[in-house]
Each structure stands twice: as C-alpha cells, then as structure tokens.
C-alpha cells in the first residue's frame, strides 16, 4: 500500500482511497491526483497480497482504517466491477462506518482527480463524493447539442448583480492539468459561484475540457458574497502565468 500528501497537524475533512486491480495503476492514480491536490491524503489499495492482479479485502480495509485515522470521512474509488464488490464487502462488514466512508460511482482516474481537488478545497464527504461522480458527466456532452447552449446561458445570467472580467492566458500551454487544478482549488476557497468561459470554475475537468491555449481570452463571471474577490483572484492567477512565463 502506498499513499501521498498526508496532511500534517490538523485533522483532515476527507481522505481518498483508490482501489485498483493493479498496484501500479492505483499508485499512478495517487501520484497524479496528488499533483493536483497537495495536502490531501490519498492511499492506494491495489493488487493482491501476493503482488498479482486483483483486489484484496485486507488491503482495502487497512487503507480505509488508515484514512479514518487522519480524516473525518473517506471517499473510495474503484476501477472495475470486482473491485467495487471488494469495497462493498468491506463497508458491509463495518456497517458502512456510520456513513463516514462512501464509495463513488465514478470514473477511476478522472473521479480521483476531481475528488482530490474538491477535498483540497475543504469539501466534506458529500461534496467530494458529488465531485467524483460528476466527473463521469463530463463525457456526456454532445457537440452541437442542447447541452452546448447551457453553459453560455449560465455565464450570462451570472453577470446580473455579480462580477465579470475578461483575461488573456499568458502561459503558452494554457489550461493544461496543473493550471486548471490551481484555478479549481482557488475558486473553491471563495463563497461564490464562478464560471470560466461558461464552465464551473471549481471543476478541474471542465476547465481542462475548454482546451484553452496561450493567447486565448477567458471570460470570468461570479455570483455570491465573495464574487468580486473570486473573480479578481482568478484574473490575478491567469495574469501571473501560473509560473510558466
């Protein structure tokens, strides 16, 4: 079993356990998610006890217990059907840990990244779980379909009584994984709803799907108590080039 980015000092709100048939796959997903969300405890529970492909009840149970030792709640992601069954067996034996441990119905890698970013922003178990499960919906948009019109409408609505700014991406690679995670974590820290080019500014996956490159303009809109501060913070981060210029 391996982990990454264990919190130090204060007790964490949520930790993640990633269960895969492959130990290397679980460890890789932990490493990737940790890059997006430093400070979140992520534990890999992959492979069998003899190092083969499969899942281990003991490995999953040990990882969940370790996570509960430092966090108030745990969200578990599993890669394939039998891994899901292993996690469900652990939860059944422990009566669900009184609701403190939740199994996400989410894509393994994308869900882990989205959940980790939300956990980094201070989300509770329900919020982290919802973020992971929403990751599956990022694949459902049909080009030219009705869904394409909705983000623009939401962005337009958010300018009514809110805050708005237009900023140009300075870093050549634009909103690739690391800058997208920086913005998502930043937005999550404000009491505001922020849209960037019409997508949820707190969703690292939606930001990455924009495919925004260097030199492209982004429209940032916000609503809520801290909308102006949130929009200003996003603009400052973009103009700073994310340390890449």
Protein backbone atom coordinates (compact mmCIF):
# COMPACT_ATOMS: atom_id res chain seq x y z
CA UNK A 1 0.00 0.00 0.00
CA UNK A 2 1.23 3.50 -0.73
CA UNK A 3 0.00 6.98 -0.07
CA UNK A 4 0.73 10.56 -0.96
CA UNK A 5 0.42 14.02 0.53
CA UNK A 6 -0.57 13.05 4.04
CA UNK A 7 -1.82 16.10 5.94
CA UNK A 8 0.23 17.32 8.85
CA UNK A 9 -1.21 18.72 12.09
CA UNK A 10 -4.93 19.47 11.93
CA UNK A 11 -7.31 16.61 11.19
CA UNK A 12 -8.41 16.47 7.53
CA UNK A 13 -12.05 16.58 6.48
CA UNK A 14 -11.77 13.95 3.74
CA UNK A 15 -9.17 11.42 2.56
CA UNK A 16 -9.31 9.25 -0.57
CA UNK A 17 -8.69 5.55 -1.07
CA UNK A 18 -8.08 4.36 -4.64
CA UNK A 19 -8.75 0.66 -5.26
CA UNK A 20 -7.48 -1.00 -8.42
CA UNK A 21 -6.75 -4.48 -9.70
CA UNK A 22 -3.25 -3.21 -10.42
CA UNK A 23 -0.96 -1.92 -7.71
CA UNK A 24 0.87 0.24 -10.25
CA UNK A 25 -2.36 1.71 -11.57
CA UNK A 26 -3.54 2.59 -8.07
CA UNK A 27 -0.18 4.17 -7.23
CA UNK A 28 -0.16 6.09 -10.52
CA UNK A 29 -3.63 7.48 -9.86
CA UNK A 30 -2.48 8.55 -6.39
CA UNK A 31 0.59 10.30 -7.82
CA UNK A 32 -1.45 12.11 -10.48
CA UNK A 33 -4.14 13.23 -8.04
CA UNK A 34 -1.52 14.37 -5.52
CA UNK A 35 -0.03 16.67 -8.14
CA UNK A 36 -3.42 18.34 -8.50
CA UNK A 37 -4.22 18.47 -4.78
CA UNK A 38 -1.18 18.64 -2.49
CA UNK A 39 -2.11 18.25 1.15
CA UNK A 40 -4.85 15.63 0.63
CA UNK A 41 -4.23 12.14 1.96
CA UNK A 42 -4.51 9.64 -0.92
CA UNK A 43 -3.99 5.94 -0.35
CA UNK A 44 -3.53 3.25 -3.00
CA UNK A 45 -5.03 -0.17 -2.34
CA UNK A 46 -4.12 -2.07 -5.48
CA UNK A 47 -3.37 -5.65 -6.39
CA UNK A 48 -3.46 -8.80 -4.29
CA UNK A 49 -1.43 -9.68 -1.22
CA UNK A 50 0.96 -11.79 -3.33
CA UNK A 51 1.58 -8.93 -5.77
CA UNK A 52 -0.71 -10.20 -8.51
CA UNK A 53 -3.62 -8.60 -10.33
CA UNK A 54 -6.84 -8.45 -8.38
CA UNK A 55 -8.15 -6.86 -5.21
CA UNK A 56 -7.59 -7.64 -1.56
CA UNK A 57 -10.16 -7.25 1.20
CA UNK A 58 -7.36 -6.76 3.73
CA UNK A 59 -5.62 -4.08 1.66
CA UNK A 60 -8.81 -2.12 1.18
CA UNK A 61 -9.81 -2.44 4.83
CA UNK A 62 -6.35 -1.38 6.04
CA UNK A 63 -6.32 1.64 3.72
CA UNK A 64 -9.77 2.76 4.87
CA UNK A 65 -8.80 2.39 8.53
CA UNK A 66 -5.61 4.38 7.95
CA UNK A 67 -7.58 7.12 6.18
CA UNK A 68 -10.11 7.31 9.02
CA UNK A 69 -7.23 7.72 11.41
CA UNK A 70 -6.47 11.17 10.00
CA UNK A 71 -9.72 12.28 8.35
CA UNK A 72 -13.35 12.73 9.34
CA UNK A 73 -14.54 10.94 6.20
CA UNK A 74 -13.29 8.83 3.33
CA UNK A 75 -14.29 8.60 -0.32
CA UNK A 76 -13.31 5.39 -2.11
CA UNK A 77 -12.94 4.96 -5.87
CA UNK A 78 -12.61 1.57 -7.55
CA UNK A 79 -11.59 0.73 -11.11
CA UNK A 80 -13.64 -2.35 -12.12
CA UNK A 81 -16.65 -4.36 -11.01
CA UNK A 82 -14.93 -6.85 -8.72
CA UNK A 83 -13.00 -4.03 -7.07
CA UNK A 84 -16.35 -2.40 -6.35
CA UNK A 85 -17.55 -5.67 -4.84
CA UNK A 86 -14.47 -5.83 -2.60
CA UNK A 87 -15.09 -2.31 -1.32
CA UNK A 88 -18.77 -3.08 -0.75
CA UNK A 89 -17.78 -6.16 1.27
CA UNK A 90 -15.56 -4.01 3.49
CA UNK A 91 -18.36 -1.49 4.00
CA UNK A 92 -20.90 -4.23 4.73
CA UNK A 93 -18.66 -5.79 7.39
CA UNK A 94 -18.20 -2.44 9.10
CA UNK A 95 -21.81 -1.29 8.64
CA UNK A 96 -20.65 1.50 6.36
CA UNK A 97 -18.54 3.08 9.10
CA UNK A 98 -21.61 5.09 10.15
CA UNK A 99 -21.70 6.89 6.82
CA UNK A 100 -18.14 8.17 7.13
CA UNK A 101 -16.93 6.06 4.19
CA UNK A 102 -18.58 6.45 0.78
CA UNK A 103 -17.99 4.53 -2.44
CA UNK A 104 -18.13 6.73 -5.54
CA UNK A 105 -19.80 5.64 -8.77
CA UNK A 106 -17.22 7.46 -10.86
CA UNK A 107 -14.51 7.01 -13.49
CA UNK A 108 -11.37 5.93 -11.68
CA UNK A 109 -8.75 8.47 -12.78
CA UNK A 110 -10.95 11.47 -13.60
CA UNK A 111 -13.05 10.91 -10.50
CA UNK A 112 -9.97 10.68 -8.30
CA UNK A 113 -8.57 13.94 -9.65
CA UNK A 114 -11.87 15.79 -9.28
CA UNK A 115 -12.45 14.43 -5.78
CA UNK A 116 -8.92 15.29 -4.66
CA UNK A 117 -9.25 18.91 -5.82
CA UNK A 118 -12.58 19.27 -4.00
CA UNK A 119 -11.10 17.71 -0.85
CA UNK A 120 -8.18 20.13 -1.08
CA UNK A 121 -10.69 22.99 -1.14
CA UNK A 122 -12.19 21.81 2.16
CA UNK A 123 -15.23 19.96 0.85
CA UNK A 124 -17.00 17.47 3.09
CA UNK A 125 -17.64 13.82 2.23
CA UNK A 126 -20.86 14.54 0.33
CA UNK A 127 -19.25 17.32 -1.69
CA UNK A 128 -16.17 15.25 -2.52
CA UNK A 129 -18.36 12.29 -3.49
CA UNK A 130 -20.51 14.50 -5.73
CA UNK A 131 -17.41 15.93 -7.40
CA UNK A 132 -16.09 12.46 -8.19
CA UNK A 133 -19.43 11.29 -9.58
CA UNK A 134 -19.89 14.47 -11.62
CA UNK A 135 -16.63 13.61 -13.40
CA UNK A 136 -18.50 10.90 -15.29
CA UNK A 137 -20.85 13.51 -16.69
CA UNK A 138 -18.01 15.40 -18.33
CA UNK A 139 -18.02 12.74 -21.07
CA UNK A 140 -21.72 13.15 -21.85
CA UNK A 141 -21.77 16.46 -23.76
CA UNK A 142 -22.73 16.07 -27.41
CA UNK A 143 -21.19 18.61 -29.78
CA UNK A 144 -23.84 20.92 -31.19
CA UNK A 145 -26.50 19.57 -28.81
CA UNK A 146 -28.64 21.47 -26.32
CA UNK A 147 -26.01 20.98 -23.63
CA UNK A 148 -23.67 23.28 -25.51
CA UNK A 149 -26.04 26.20 -25.07
CA UNK A 150 -26.47 25.81 -21.31
CA UNK A 151 -23.03 26.97 -20.06
CA UNK A 152 -23.26 30.19 -22.07
CA UNK A 153 -26.69 30.90 -20.63
CA UNK A 154 -25.41 30.29 -17.11
CA UNK A 155 -22.46 32.59 -17.68
CA UNK A 156 -24.71 35.34 -18.98
CA UNK A 157 -27.01 35.01 -16.00
CA UNK A 158 -24.12 35.21 -13.57
CA UNK A 159 -23.27 38.74 -14.69
CA UNK A 160 -26.56 40.05 -13.30
CA UNK A 161 -25.55 41.57 -9.99
CA UNK A 162 -22.31 39.62 -9.93
CA UNK A 163 -18.78 40.21 -11.12
CA UNK A 164 -17.26 39.83 -14.58
CA UNK A 165 -13.83 40.11 -16.16
CA UNK A 166 -12.01 39.12 -19.34
CA UNK A 167 -8.42 37.94 -19.07
CA UNK A 168 -5.88 36.57 -21.56
CA UNK A 169 -3.95 33.38 -20.88
CA UNK A 170 -0.25 34.22 -20.78
CA UNK A 171 1.31 30.79 -20.36
CA UNK A 172 1.92 29.09 -23.73
CA UNK A 173 0.32 25.76 -22.77
CA UNK A 174 -2.83 27.37 -21.43
CA UNK A 175 -5.19 25.47 -19.12
CA UNK A 176 -3.47 22.13 -19.02
CA UNK A 177 -3.78 19.95 -15.92
CA UNK A 178 -1.70 21.88 -13.38
CA UNK A 179 -3.06 25.41 -14.06
CA UNK A 180 -6.60 24.04 -14.22
CA UNK A 181 -6.11 22.47 -10.79
CA UNK A 182 -4.68 25.75 -9.46
CA UNK A 183 -7.78 27.64 -10.59
CA UNK A 184 -10.20 24.98 -9.32
CA UNK A 185 -8.59 25.00 -5.87
CA UNK A 186 -8.56 28.80 -5.87
CA UNK A 187 -12.23 29.10 -6.76
CA UNK A 188 -13.25 26.51 -4.17
CA UNK A 189 -11.85 28.75 -1.44
CA UNK A 190 -14.41 31.53 -2.01
CA UNK A 191 -18.04 31.85 -1.06
CA UNK A 192 -19.01 32.34 -4.69
CA UNK A 193 -20.03 30.50 -7.84
CA UNK A 194 -17.50 31.19 -10.57
CA UNK A 195 -17.77 30.34 -14.26
CA UNK A 196 -14.81 30.46 -16.64
CA UNK A 197 -15.90 30.56 -20.27
CA UNK A 198 -19.22 29.17 -19.11
CA UNK A 199 -17.96 26.13 -17.19
CA UNK A 200 -17.73 25.54 -13.46
CA UNK A 201 -14.52 27.20 -12.27
CA UNK A 202 -14.25 24.76 -9.36
CA UNK A 203 -14.12 21.72 -11.68
CA UNK A 204 -10.62 20.85 -12.86
CA UNK A 205 -12.02 18.50 -15.52
CA UNK A 206 -14.39 21.07 -17.00
CA UNK A 207 -11.61 23.64 -17.12
CA UNK A 208 -9.30 21.19 -18.90
CA UNK A 209 -12.04 20.37 -21.41
CA UNK A 210 -12.04 24.01 -22.54
CA UNK A 211 -8.77 23.32 -24.33
CA UNK A 212 -7.81 26.95 -23.77
CA UNK A 213 -4.31 27.78 -25.07
CA UNK A 214 -1.88 30.63 -24.64
CA UNK A 215 -3.17 33.94 -26.00
CA UNK A 216 -6.81 32.95 -25.64
CA UNK A 217 -9.21 35.21 -23.80
CA UNK A 218 -11.25 33.82 -20.90
CA UNK A 219 -14.46 35.34 -19.59
CA UNK A 220 -14.72 35.01 -15.82
CA UNK A 221 -18.04 35.59 -14.09
CA UNK A 222 -19.05 35.22 -10.47
CA UNK A 223 -22.05 35.30 -8.19
CA UNK A 224 -22.24 35.24 -4.43
CA UNK A 225 -20.94 37.04 -1.37
CA UNK A 226 -17.31 36.92 -2.48
CA UNK A 227 -17.88 37.05 -6.24
CA UNK A 228 -15.74 40.14 -6.85
CA UNK A 229 -12.84 38.79 -4.80
CA UNK A 230 -13.06 35.39 -6.50
CA UNK A 231 -13.07 36.85 -9.99
CA UNK A 232 -10.17 39.15 -9.11
CA UNK A 233 -8.19 36.19 -7.74
CA UNK A 234 -8.76 34.18 -10.91
CA UNK A 235 -7.67 37.10 -13.05
CA UNK A 236 -4.52 37.56 -10.96
CA UNK A 237 -3.65 33.87 -11.24
CA UNK A 238 -4.13 33.84 -15.01
CA UNK A 239 -2.17 37.04 -15.49
CA UNK A 240 0.61 35.58 -13.34
CA UNK A 241 1.08 32.84 -15.89
CA UNK A 242 1.00 30.04 -13.30
CA UNK A 243 4.79 30.30 -13.00
CA UNK A 244 5.22 29.22 -16.62
CA UNK A 245 6.16 32.58 -18.16
